[in-house]
């Protein structure tokens, strides 16, 4: 291979590598969720109450979640981060979060996300679910999908 060809190939490779986005930009971001009830039967509508908001901040593989809620018909018991198969679709628990045990309060916590879960977050597949003493049968569970 001639020296001029080697220089041209090196310049081309340098240009390609330089045009790639930095990896840190891929693993950071802020996502928000509006917590609302999701009815599963018409019977639930009259007893539905409560609302909230949450923010999730991704830095590297660490996700920090914080939020608040109010107006639940019964005291909150647990909040969890879940992975759905799509936005709006339910799925398995990733981790439990810390929640105020009351009809109003705060939610907080952190999770180490795998590369797959980071991708799921960017695609709107991660959501927060807040349970209360009455449970989903009484319409007192709040849901919110994290979106950019």
N, C-alpha and C. Protein backbone atom coordinates (compact mmCIF):
# COMPACT_ATOMS: atom_id res chain seq x y z
N UNK A 1 0.85 -1.17 0.00
CA UNK A 1 0.00 0.00 0.00
C UNK A 1 0.90 1.23 0.00
N UNK A 2 0.56 2.21 -0.80
CA UNK A 2 1.34 3.43 -0.91
C UNK A 2 1.09 4.32 0.30
N UNK A 3 2.05 5.18 0.59
CA UNK A 3 1.93 6.11 1.72
C UNK A 3 0.73 7.02 1.53
N UNK A 4 0.48 7.48 0.33
CA UNK A 4 -0.66 8.37 0.09
C UNK A 4 -1.99 7.66 0.35
N UNK A 5 -2.07 6.36 0.02
CA UNK A 5 -3.28 5.61 0.31
C UNK A 5 -3.45 5.44 1.82
N UNK A 6 -2.37 5.18 2.54
CA UNK A 6 -2.43 5.02 4.00
C UNK A 6 -2.90 6.31 4.66
N UNK A 7 -2.39 7.43 4.20
CA UNK A 7 -2.78 8.74 4.75
C UNK A 7 -4.26 9.00 4.47
N UNK A 8 -4.70 8.68 3.26
CA UNK A 8 -6.11 8.89 2.90
C UNK A 8 -7.04 8.02 3.74
N UNK A 9 -6.66 6.77 3.97
CA UNK A 9 -7.48 5.87 4.79
C UNK A 9 -7.51 6.36 6.23
N UNK A 10 -6.36 6.78 6.75
CA UNK A 10 -6.30 7.29 8.12
C UNK A 10 -7.16 8.53 8.27
N UNK A 11 -7.13 9.42 7.28
CA UNK A 11 -7.94 10.64 7.33
C UNK A 11 -9.43 10.29 7.29
N UNK A 12 -9.78 9.34 6.45
CA UNK A 12 -11.17 8.91 6.35
C UNK A 12 -11.65 8.32 7.67
N UNK A 13 -10.88 7.44 8.27
CA UNK A 13 -11.25 6.83 9.55
C UNK A 13 -11.36 7.87 10.65
N UNK A 14 -10.44 8.82 10.68
CA UNK A 14 -10.48 9.89 11.68
C UNK A 14 -11.76 10.71 11.51
N UNK A 15 -12.12 11.00 10.28
CA UNK A 15 -13.36 11.74 10.02
C UNK A 15 -14.59 10.99 10.46
N UNK A 16 -14.61 9.68 10.20
CA UNK A 16 -15.76 8.86 10.61
C UNK A 16 -15.89 8.80 12.12
N UNK A 17 -14.79 8.56 12.81
CA UNK A 17 -14.82 8.48 14.27
C UNK A 17 -15.20 9.83 14.86
N UNK A 18 -14.67 10.89 14.29
CA UNK A 18 -14.99 12.23 14.79
C UNK A 18 -16.44 12.63 14.60
N UNK A 19 -17.11 12.03 13.62
CA UNK A 19 -18.50 12.38 13.36
C UNK A 19 -19.48 11.62 14.24
N UNK A 20 -19.01 10.61 14.97
CA UNK A 20 -19.89 9.85 15.86
C UNK A 20 -20.25 10.69 17.08
N UNK A 21 -21.48 10.60 17.58
CA UNK A 21 -21.83 11.34 18.79
C UNK A 21 -21.08 10.78 19.98
N UNK A 22 -20.75 11.63 20.95
CA UNK A 22 -20.05 11.12 22.13
C UNK A 22 -20.92 10.14 22.89
N UNK A 23 -20.29 9.13 23.47
CA UNK A 23 -21.04 8.10 24.21
C UNK A 23 -21.78 8.69 25.40
N UNK A 24 -21.23 9.70 26.06
CA UNK A 24 -21.89 10.27 27.22
C UNK A 24 -23.20 10.94 26.84
N UNK A 25 -23.30 11.47 25.63
CA UNK A 25 -24.55 12.09 25.20
C UNK A 25 -25.63 11.03 25.05
N UNK A 26 -25.24 9.81 24.74
CA UNK A 26 -26.20 8.73 24.58
C UNK A 26 -26.76 8.26 25.92
N UNK A 27 -26.03 8.48 27.00
CA UNK A 27 -26.43 7.93 28.30
C UNK A 27 -26.80 9.01 29.29
N UNK A 28 -27.44 10.07 28.82
CA UNK A 28 -27.90 11.14 29.71
C UNK A 28 -29.22 11.66 29.18
N UNK A 29 -30.01 12.19 30.06
CA UNK A 29 -31.27 12.79 29.62
C UNK A 29 -32.25 12.93 30.77
N UNK A 30 -33.26 13.75 30.53
CA UNK A 30 -34.32 13.99 31.50
C UNK A 30 -35.64 13.55 30.89
N UNK A 31 -36.42 12.83 31.67
CA UNK A 31 -37.68 12.27 31.23
C UNK A 31 -38.76 12.63 32.25
N UNK A 32 -39.98 12.82 31.80
CA UNK A 32 -41.05 13.18 32.73
C UNK A 32 -42.25 12.26 32.55
N UNK A 33 -43.02 12.15 33.62
CA UNK A 33 -44.22 11.32 33.60
C UNK A 33 -45.34 12.05 34.32
N UNK A 34 -46.53 11.95 33.79
CA UNK A 34 -47.73 12.47 34.45
C UNK A 34 -48.44 11.26 35.05
N UNK A 35 -48.62 11.26 36.35
CA UNK A 35 -49.23 10.12 37.03
C UNK A 35 -50.74 10.30 37.07
N UNK A 36 -51.43 9.32 36.49
CA UNK A 36 -52.88 9.33 36.44
C UNK A 36 -53.39 7.91 36.62
N UNK A 37 -54.66 7.77 36.82
CA UNK A 37 -55.26 6.46 36.94
C UNK A 37 -55.49 5.89 35.55
N UNK A 38 -55.46 4.60 35.46
CA UNK A 38 -55.75 3.90 34.21
C UNK A 38 -56.88 2.92 34.52
N UNK A 39 -58.09 3.21 34.07
CA UNK A 39 -59.22 2.32 34.40
C UNK A 39 -59.11 0.97 33.71
N UNK A 40 -59.50 -0.05 34.42
CA UNK A 40 -59.55 -1.36 33.80
C UNK A 40 -60.99 -1.83 33.63
N UNK A 41 -61.92 -1.21 34.36
CA UNK A 41 -63.34 -1.52 34.19
C UNK A 41 -64.16 -0.24 34.37
N UNK A 42 -65.35 -0.17 33.80
CA UNK A 42 -66.20 1.02 33.99
C UNK A 42 -66.58 1.23 35.46
N UNK A 43 -66.62 0.16 36.24
CA UNK A 43 -66.99 0.24 37.65
C UNK A 43 -66.00 1.11 38.43
N UNK A 44 -64.76 1.21 37.95
CA UNK A 44 -63.73 1.96 38.67
C UNK A 44 -63.89 3.47 38.57
N UNK A 45 -64.52 3.98 37.52
CA UNK A 45 -64.54 5.41 37.27
C UNK A 45 -65.04 6.26 38.43
N UNK A 46 -66.12 5.93 39.10
CA UNK A 46 -66.61 6.80 40.17
C UNK A 46 -65.63 6.96 41.35
N UNK A 47 -64.83 5.95 41.65
CA UNK A 47 -63.94 6.01 42.80
C UNK A 47 -62.54 6.50 42.49
N UNK A 48 -62.30 6.93 41.27
CA UNK A 48 -60.96 7.33 40.86
C UNK A 48 -60.62 8.71 41.41
N UNK A 49 -59.42 8.81 41.95
CA UNK A 49 -58.94 10.10 42.44
C UNK A 49 -57.42 10.06 42.48
N UNK A 50 -56.83 11.21 42.43
CA UNK A 50 -55.38 11.32 42.56
C UNK A 50 -54.69 11.67 41.27
N UNK A 51 -53.54 12.31 41.44
CA UNK A 51 -52.71 12.69 40.31
C UNK A 51 -51.31 12.94 40.82
N UNK A 52 -50.37 13.07 39.90
CA UNK A 52 -49.00 13.36 40.29
C UNK A 52 -48.11 13.56 39.10
N UNK A 53 -46.85 13.85 39.38
CA UNK A 53 -45.84 14.01 38.34
C UNK A 53 -44.55 13.39 38.84
N UNK A 54 -43.71 13.02 37.89
CA UNK A 54 -42.39 12.46 38.25
C UNK A 54 -41.39 12.84 37.17
N UNK A 55 -40.15 12.96 37.59
CA UNK A 55 -39.03 13.23 36.69
C UNK A 55 -37.99 12.14 36.89
N UNK A 56 -37.41 11.69 35.79
CA UNK A 56 -36.33 10.71 35.85
C UNK A 56 -35.14 11.31 35.12
N UNK A 57 -34.00 11.31 35.79
CA UNK A 57 -32.78 11.84 35.20
C UNK A 57 -31.78 10.71 35.03
N UNK A 58 -31.34 10.50 33.79
CA UNK A 58 -30.37 9.45 33.48
C UNK A 58 -28.99 10.07 33.35
N UNK A 59 -28.04 9.53 34.11
CA UNK A 59 -26.65 9.95 34.03
C UNK A 59 -25.81 8.68 33.99
N UNK A 60 -25.22 8.40 32.83
CA UNK A 60 -24.53 7.12 32.66
C UNK A 60 -25.57 6.02 32.68
N UNK A 61 -25.41 5.07 33.60
CA UNK A 61 -26.42 4.01 33.72
C UNK A 61 -27.29 4.19 34.96
N UNK A 62 -27.13 5.32 35.65
CA UNK A 62 -27.87 5.57 36.89
C UNK A 62 -29.09 6.45 36.61
N UNK A 63 -30.27 5.95 36.98
CA UNK A 63 -31.52 6.68 36.82
C UNK A 63 -31.97 7.16 38.20
N UNK A 64 -32.18 8.47 38.34
CA UNK A 64 -32.69 9.06 39.58
C UNK A 64 -34.12 9.52 39.34
N UNK A 65 -35.03 9.04 40.17
CA UNK A 65 -36.46 9.35 40.02
C UNK A 65 -36.91 10.19 41.20
N UNK A 66 -37.67 11.25 40.92
CA UNK A 66 -38.30 12.04 41.98
C UNK A 66 -39.66 12.49 41.49
N UNK A 67 -40.60 12.59 42.41
CA UNK A 67 -41.94 13.00 42.02
C UNK A 67 -42.81 13.30 43.22
N UNK A 68 -44.04 13.65 42.93
CA UNK A 68 -45.01 13.93 43.99
C UNK A 68 -46.40 13.50 43.51
N UNK A 69 -47.28 13.30 44.47
CA UNK A 69 -48.65 12.90 44.16
C UNK A 69 -49.57 13.52 45.19
N UNK A 70 -50.86 13.56 44.86
CA UNK A 70 -51.86 14.11 45.79
C UNK A 70 -53.23 13.55 45.46
N UNK A 71 -54.11 13.61 46.45
CA UNK A 71 -55.50 13.27 46.23
C UNK A 71 -55.86 11.81 46.12
N UNK A 72 -54.99 10.90 46.58
CA UNK A 72 -55.36 9.48 46.54
C UNK A 72 -56.53 9.22 47.49
N UNK A 73 -57.41 8.28 47.18
CA UNK A 73 -58.51 7.95 48.08
C UNK A 73 -58.07 7.14 49.31
N UNK A 74 -56.84 6.62 49.29
CA UNK A 74 -56.28 5.87 50.41
C UNK A 74 -54.77 6.08 50.40
N UNK A 75 -54.13 5.78 51.52
CA UNK A 75 -52.69 6.00 51.65
C UNK A 75 -51.88 5.18 50.64
N UNK A 76 -50.85 5.80 50.11
CA UNK A 76 -49.93 5.10 49.20
C UNK A 76 -49.19 4.02 49.97
N UNK A 77 -48.90 2.92 49.30
CA UNK A 77 -48.18 1.82 49.94
C UNK A 77 -46.83 1.54 49.30
N UNK A 78 -46.76 1.61 47.98
CA UNK A 78 -45.51 1.30 47.28
C UNK A 78 -45.49 1.99 45.92
N UNK A 79 -44.29 2.35 45.49
CA UNK A 79 -44.09 2.87 44.13
C UNK A 79 -43.00 2.03 43.49
N UNK A 80 -43.20 1.72 42.22
CA UNK A 80 -42.24 0.85 41.52
C UNK A 80 -41.97 1.37 40.11
N UNK A 81 -40.75 1.13 39.66
CA UNK A 81 -40.37 1.40 38.28
C UNK A 81 -40.55 0.09 37.52
N UNK A 82 -41.27 0.16 36.39
CA UNK A 82 -41.58 -1.02 35.58
C UNK A 82 -41.07 -0.84 34.16
N UNK A 83 -40.97 -1.96 33.44
CA UNK A 83 -40.66 -1.97 32.01
C UNK A 83 -41.83 -2.59 31.27
N UNK A 84 -42.45 -1.81 30.39
CA UNK A 84 -43.53 -2.32 29.55
C UNK A 84 -42.99 -2.73 28.19
N UNK A 85 -43.78 -3.47 27.45
CA UNK A 85 -43.35 -3.88 26.11
C UNK A 85 -43.51 -2.74 25.11
N UNK A 86 -44.29 -1.72 25.48
CA UNK A 86 -44.51 -0.53 24.65
C UNK A 86 -45.05 0.56 25.57
N UNK A 87 -45.07 1.80 25.09
CA UNK A 87 -45.67 2.88 25.86
C UNK A 87 -47.14 2.55 26.09
N UNK A 88 -47.56 2.60 27.34
CA UNK A 88 -48.94 2.30 27.69
C UNK A 88 -49.21 0.84 28.00
N UNK A 89 -48.23 -0.02 27.79
CA UNK A 89 -48.41 -1.44 28.07
C UNK A 89 -47.68 -1.81 29.36
N UNK A 90 -48.31 -2.60 30.18
CA UNK A 90 -47.75 -2.98 31.48
C UNK A 90 -46.66 -4.03 31.33
N UNK A 91 -45.82 -4.14 32.39
CA UNK A 91 -44.75 -5.12 32.36
C UNK A 91 -44.14 -5.33 33.73
N UNK A 92 -43.03 -6.05 33.79
CA UNK A 92 -42.43 -6.44 35.07
C UNK A 92 -41.75 -5.28 35.80
N UNK A 93 -41.57 -5.48 37.10
CA UNK A 93 -40.92 -4.51 37.98
C UNK A 93 -39.41 -4.51 37.72
N UNK A 94 -38.83 -3.30 37.69
CA UNK A 94 -37.38 -3.15 37.64
C UNK A 94 -36.85 -2.94 39.06
N UNK A 95 -37.50 -2.04 39.80
CA UNK A 95 -37.07 -1.77 41.18
C UNK A 95 -38.18 -1.06 41.95
N UNK A 96 -38.14 -1.18 43.28
CA UNK A 96 -39.03 -0.43 44.15
C UNK A 96 -38.44 0.96 44.38
N UNK A 97 -39.33 1.93 44.61
CA UNK A 97 -38.93 3.29 44.93
C UNK A 97 -39.43 3.63 46.32
N UNK A 98 -38.94 4.72 46.89
CA UNK A 98 -39.36 5.18 48.22
C UNK A 98 -40.57 6.08 48.03
N UNK A 99 -41.63 5.85 48.83
CA UNK A 99 -42.85 6.63 48.69
C UNK A 99 -43.37 7.03 50.07
N UNK A 100 -43.91 8.25 50.18
CA UNK A 100 -44.58 8.71 51.39
C UNK A 100 -45.85 7.90 51.58
N UNK A 101 -46.08 7.41 52.77
CA UNK A 101 -47.30 6.64 53.04
C UNK A 101 -48.40 7.59 53.48
N UNK A 102 -49.08 8.14 52.51
CA UNK A 102 -50.18 9.07 52.75
C UNK A 102 -50.98 9.23 51.49
N UNK A 103 -52.03 10.07 51.55
CA UNK A 103 -52.83 10.33 50.36
C UNK A 103 -52.17 11.37 49.45
N UNK A 104 -51.17 12.06 49.99
CA UNK A 104 -50.33 12.98 49.23
C UNK A 104 -48.90 12.77 49.70
N UNK A 105 -47.92 13.03 48.83
CA UNK A 105 -46.54 12.86 49.27
C UNK A 105 -45.56 12.86 48.12
N UNK A 106 -44.42 12.21 48.38
CA UNK A 106 -43.34 12.22 47.40
C UNK A 106 -42.90 10.80 47.05
N UNK A 107 -42.21 10.71 45.92
CA UNK A 107 -41.64 9.46 45.42
C UNK A 107 -40.19 9.75 45.08
N UNK A 108 -39.29 8.83 45.43
CA UNK A 108 -37.88 9.02 45.06
C UNK A 108 -37.18 7.67 44.98
N UNK A 109 -36.04 7.66 44.34
CA UNK A 109 -35.25 6.44 44.26
C UNK A 109 -34.29 6.48 43.10
N UNK A 110 -33.43 5.47 43.08
CA UNK A 110 -32.45 5.34 42.00
C UNK A 110 -32.42 3.90 41.52
N UNK A 111 -31.95 3.73 40.31
CA UNK A 111 -31.81 2.39 39.73
C UNK A 111 -30.62 2.41 38.78
N UNK A 112 -29.90 1.30 38.77
CA UNK A 112 -28.83 1.11 37.79
C UNK A 112 -29.49 0.41 36.60
N UNK A 113 -29.47 1.05 35.43
CA UNK A 113 -30.14 0.51 34.25
C UNK A 113 -29.15 -0.21 33.34
N UNK A 114 -29.56 -1.36 32.88
CA UNK A 114 -28.79 -2.08 31.87
C UNK A 114 -28.89 -1.30 30.55
N UNK A 115 -28.02 -1.59 29.59
CA UNK A 115 -28.16 -0.94 28.28
C UNK A 115 -29.55 -1.15 27.67
N UNK A 116 -30.13 -2.33 27.85
CA UNK A 116 -31.48 -2.59 27.33
C UNK A 116 -32.51 -1.69 28.00
N UNK A 117 -32.42 -1.52 29.34
CA UNK A 117 -33.37 -0.66 30.05
C UNK A 117 -33.18 0.80 29.67
N UNK A 118 -31.93 1.21 29.38
CA UNK A 118 -31.70 2.58 28.92
C UNK A 118 -32.39 2.80 27.58
N UNK A 119 -32.29 1.84 26.70
CA UNK A 119 -32.98 1.92 25.41
C UNK A 119 -34.49 1.95 25.61
N UNK A 120 -34.98 1.11 26.53
CA UNK A 120 -36.42 1.09 26.84
C UNK A 120 -36.87 2.45 27.34
N UNK A 121 -36.07 3.10 28.18
CA UNK A 121 -36.40 4.43 28.70
C UNK A 121 -36.54 5.42 27.54
N UNK A 122 -35.59 5.43 26.65
CA UNK A 122 -35.63 6.35 25.51
C UNK A 122 -36.83 6.08 24.58
N UNK A 123 -37.30 4.85 24.57
CA UNK A 123 -38.44 4.48 23.72
C UNK A 123 -39.78 4.60 24.45
N UNK A 124 -39.79 5.13 25.68
CA UNK A 124 -41.04 5.34 26.41
C UNK A 124 -41.62 4.08 27.01
N UNK A 125 -40.79 3.08 27.28
CA UNK A 125 -41.29 1.81 27.81
C UNK A 125 -41.19 1.70 29.33
N UNK A 126 -40.48 2.62 29.98
CA UNK A 126 -40.38 2.57 31.45
C UNK A 126 -41.47 3.44 32.06
N UNK A 127 -42.08 2.92 33.12
CA UNK A 127 -43.15 3.68 33.77
C UNK A 127 -43.10 3.50 35.28
N UNK A 128 -43.75 4.43 35.95
CA UNK A 128 -43.86 4.41 37.40
C UNK A 128 -45.29 3.99 37.74
N UNK A 129 -45.42 3.12 38.71
CA UNK A 129 -46.74 2.70 39.18
C UNK A 129 -46.78 2.93 40.69
N UNK A 130 -47.80 3.65 41.13
CA UNK A 130 -47.99 3.98 42.55
C UNK A 130 -49.24 3.26 43.04
N UNK A 131 -49.06 2.42 44.05
CA UNK A 131 -50.17 1.65 44.63
C UNK A 131 -50.64 2.32 45.92
N UNK A 132 -51.91 2.10 46.25
CA UNK A 132 -52.44 2.57 47.53
C UNK A 132 -53.09 1.41 48.28
N UNK A 133 -53.54 1.69 49.48
CA UNK A 133 -54.17 0.65 50.31
C UNK A 133 -55.40 0.05 49.64
N UNK A 134 -56.10 0.82 48.81
CA UNK A 134 -57.30 0.30 48.15
C UNK A 134 -56.95 -0.58 46.97
N UNK A 135 -55.89 -0.26 46.25
CA UNK A 135 -55.46 -1.11 45.15
C UNK A 135 -56.13 -0.79 43.83
N UNK A 136 -55.68 -1.48 42.80
CA UNK A 136 -56.13 -1.22 41.44
C UNK A 136 -57.62 -1.50 41.25
N UNK A 137 -58.19 -2.42 42.02
CA UNK A 137 -59.60 -2.75 41.87
C UNK A 137 -60.49 -1.56 42.19
N UNK A 138 -60.01 -0.66 43.07
CA UNK A 138 -60.79 0.50 43.45
C UNK A 138 -60.35 1.75 42.71
N UNK A 139 -59.50 1.61 41.72
CA UNK A 139 -59.10 2.76 40.92
C UNK A 139 -58.14 3.70 41.61
N UNK A 140 -57.44 3.24 42.63
CA UNK A 140 -56.56 4.15 43.37
C UNK A 140 -55.09 3.86 43.08
N UNK A 141 -54.79 3.34 41.93
CA UNK A 141 -53.41 3.14 41.50
C UNK A 141 -53.12 4.15 40.40
N UNK A 142 -51.98 4.84 40.52
CA UNK A 142 -51.58 5.82 39.51
C UNK A 142 -50.46 5.24 38.65
N UNK A 143 -50.46 5.61 37.37
CA UNK A 143 -49.48 5.15 36.40
C UNK A 143 -48.93 6.35 35.66
N UNK A 144 -47.67 6.27 35.23
CA UNK A 144 -47.10 7.31 34.39
C UNK A 144 -45.91 6.80 33.62
N UNK A 145 -45.92 6.94 32.30
CA UNK A 145 -44.82 6.50 31.44
C UNK A 145 -43.82 7.64 31.26
N UNK A 146 -42.53 7.35 31.42
CA UNK A 146 -41.49 8.37 31.28
C UNK A 146 -41.23 8.65 29.80
N UNK A 147 -41.36 9.92 29.43
CA UNK A 147 -41.14 10.35 28.06
C UNK A 147 -40.18 11.55 28.06
N UNK A 148 -39.44 11.71 26.94
CA UNK A 148 -38.53 12.85 26.83
C UNK A 148 -39.29 14.11 26.53
